[in-house]
C-alpha atoms as a PDB file:
ATOM      1  CA  UNK A   1      13.769  -8.392  10.461  1.00  0.00           C
ATOM      2  CA  UNK A   2      16.745  -8.743   9.330  1.00  0.00           C
ATOM      3  CA  UNK A   3      15.895 -11.424   6.961  1.00  0.00           C
ATOM      4  CA  UNK A   4      13.087  -9.253   6.436  1.00  0.00           C
ATOM      5  CA  UNK A   5      14.769  -6.711   4.969  1.00  0.00           C
ATOM      6  CA  UNK A   6      16.938  -8.529   3.143  1.00  0.00           C
ATOM      7  CA  UNK A   7      14.202 -10.466   1.756  1.00  0.00           C
ATOM      8  CA  UNK A   8      12.802  -6.927   0.698  1.00  0.00           C
ATOM      9  CA  UNK A   9      15.999  -5.987  -1.425  1.00  0.00           C
ATOM     10  CA  UNK A  10      17.067  -9.302  -2.844  1.00  0.00           C
ATOM     11  CA  UNK A  11      12.894  -9.371  -4.536  1.00  0.00           C
ATOM     12  CA  UNK A  12      11.992  -6.111  -5.355  1.00  0.00           C
ATOM     13  CA  UNK A  13      15.219  -3.538  -5.318  1.00  0.00           C
ATOM     14  CA  UNK A  14      18.147  -5.059  -6.269  1.00  0.00           C
ATOM     15  CA  UNK A  15      16.405  -6.258  -9.649  1.00  0.00           C
ATOM     16  CA  UNK A  16      15.155  -2.620 -10.776  1.00  0.00           C
ATOM     17  CA  UNK A  17      18.942  -1.292  -9.838  1.00  0.00           C
ATOM     18  CA  UNK A  18      20.838  -3.871 -11.907  1.00  0.00           C
ATOM     19  CA  UNK A  19      18.938  -3.301 -15.131  1.00  0.00           C
ATOM     20  CA  UNK A  20      21.292  -0.128 -14.551  1.00  0.00           C
ATOM     21  CA  UNK A  21      23.502  -1.443 -13.123  1.00  0.00           C
ATOM     22  CA  UNK A  22      24.015  -1.033  -9.608  1.00  0.00           C
ATOM     23  CA  UNK A  23      22.560  -2.343  -6.801  1.00  0.00           C
ATOM     24  CA  UNK A  24      22.250  -1.734  -3.362  1.00  0.00           C
ATOM     25  CA  UNK A  25      23.589  -3.384   0.336  1.00  0.00           C
ATOM     26  CA  UNK A  26      22.636  -3.326   3.512  1.00  0.00           C
ATOM     27  CA  UNK A  27      25.120  -2.103   5.902  1.00  0.00           C
ATOM     28  CA  UNK A  28      23.646  -1.914   9.296  1.00  0.00           C
ATOM     29  CA  UNK A  29      20.243  -1.877  11.350  1.00  0.00           C
ATOM     30  CA  UNK A  30      20.650   0.476  14.705  1.00  0.00           C
ATOM     31  CA  UNK A  31      18.899  -0.503  18.068  1.00  0.00           C
ATOM     32  CA  UNK A  32      16.022   2.135  17.304  1.00  0.00           C
ATOM     33  CA  UNK A  33      15.209   0.358  13.609  1.00  0.00           C
ATOM     34  CA  UNK A  34      16.798   2.425  11.343  1.00  0.00           C
ATOM     35  CA  UNK A  35      18.093   0.573   8.454  1.00  0.00           C
ATOM     36  CA  UNK A  36      21.396   2.071   6.340  1.00  0.00           C
ATOM     37  CA  UNK A  37      22.153   1.378   3.605  1.00  0.00           C
ATOM     38  CA  UNK A  38      24.825   1.608   0.714  1.00  0.00           C
ATOM     39  CA  UNK A  39      24.864   1.992  -3.164  1.00  0.00           C
ATOM     40  CA  UNK A  40      26.681  -0.090  -5.451  1.00  0.00           C
ATOM     41  CA  UNK A  41      27.834  -0.525  -8.708  1.00  0.00           C
ATOM     42  CA  UNK A  42      26.417   2.035 -11.748  1.00  0.00           C
ATOM     43  CA  UNK A  43      24.340   3.751  -8.700  1.00  0.00           C
ATOM     44  CA  UNK A  44      27.363   5.041  -6.313  1.00  0.00           C
ATOM     45  CA  UNK A  45      27.968   8.370  -7.824  1.00  0.00           C
ATOM     46  CA  UNK A  46      24.556   8.525 -10.153  1.00  0.00           C
ATOM     47  CA  UNK A  47      23.177  12.194 -10.548  1.00  0.00           C
ATOM     48  CA  UNK A  48      19.464  10.315  -9.403  1.00  0.00           C
ATOM     49  CA  UNK A  49      21.012   8.213  -7.058  1.00  0.00           C
ATOM     50  CA  UNK A  50      19.087  10.398  -4.449  1.00  0.00           C
ATOM     51  CA  UNK A  51      15.484  10.231  -6.027  1.00  0.00           C
ATOM     52  CA  UNK A  52      16.484   6.100  -6.489  1.00  0.00           C
ATOM     53  CA  UNK A  53      17.445   6.039  -2.722  1.00  0.00           C
ATOM     54  CA  UNK A  54      13.883   7.629  -2.056  1.00  0.00           C
ATOM     55  CA  UNK A  55      11.696   6.014  -4.161  1.00  0.00           C
ATOM     56  CA  UNK A  56      12.562   2.497  -4.519  1.00  0.00           C
ATOM     57  CA  UNK A  57      14.751   1.763  -1.227  1.00  0.00           C
ATOM     58  CA  UNK A  58      13.292   3.701   0.930  1.00  0.00           C
ATOM     59  CA  UNK A  59       9.467   3.455   0.041  1.00  0.00           C
ATOM     60  CA  UNK A  60       9.892  -0.353  -0.322  1.00  0.00           C
ATOM     61  CA  UNK A  61      11.835  -1.268   2.665  1.00  0.00           C
ATOM     62  CA  UNK A  62       9.388   0.644   4.788  1.00  0.00           C
ATOM     63  CA  UNK A  63       6.577  -0.412   3.577  1.00  0.00           C
ATOM     64  CA  UNK A  64       7.084  -4.038   3.532  1.00  0.00           C
ATOM     65  CA  UNK A  65       8.894  -4.168   7.009  1.00  0.00           C
ATOM     66  CA  UNK A  66       6.369  -0.956   9.194  1.00  0.00           C
ATOM     67  CA  UNK A  67       9.351  -1.319  12.596  1.00  0.00           C
ATOM     68  CA  UNK A  68      11.349   0.834  10.268  1.00  0.00           C
ATOM     69  CA  UNK A  69      11.309   4.099  11.526  1.00  0.00           C
ATOM     70  CA  UNK A  70      14.553   5.586   8.951  1.00  0.00           C
ATOM     71  CA  UNK A  71      16.136   4.446   6.070  1.00  0.00           C
ATOM     72  CA  UNK A  72      19.854   6.521   5.785  1.00  0.00           C
ATOM     73  CA  UNK A  73      21.873   5.763   3.041  1.00  0.00           C
ATOM     74  CA  UNK A  74      25.946   5.839   4.195  1.00  0.00           C
END
C-alpha cells in the first residue's frame, strides 16, 4: 500500500503543489490504514493549505487507494 500511496503523491499531487512552490511528504501509515502526510515548502502555513489538503491530497489518495480509511495532515 505504501508504494501505491507514494506513486499517487509523486504523479498526481506533487506536480500540482510544485507549481506554487510546495510539496507533501508521507509521514506514516498506521495499522488501521490511516495515512498521515505533511505539507512542506510554500504549502506549509499557506491560508489555502486545508482546502488543498482536502481537494487535492485527500481525494487523490482515497480515490486511488480505497483501503485507506482516513488521511490526516500533521
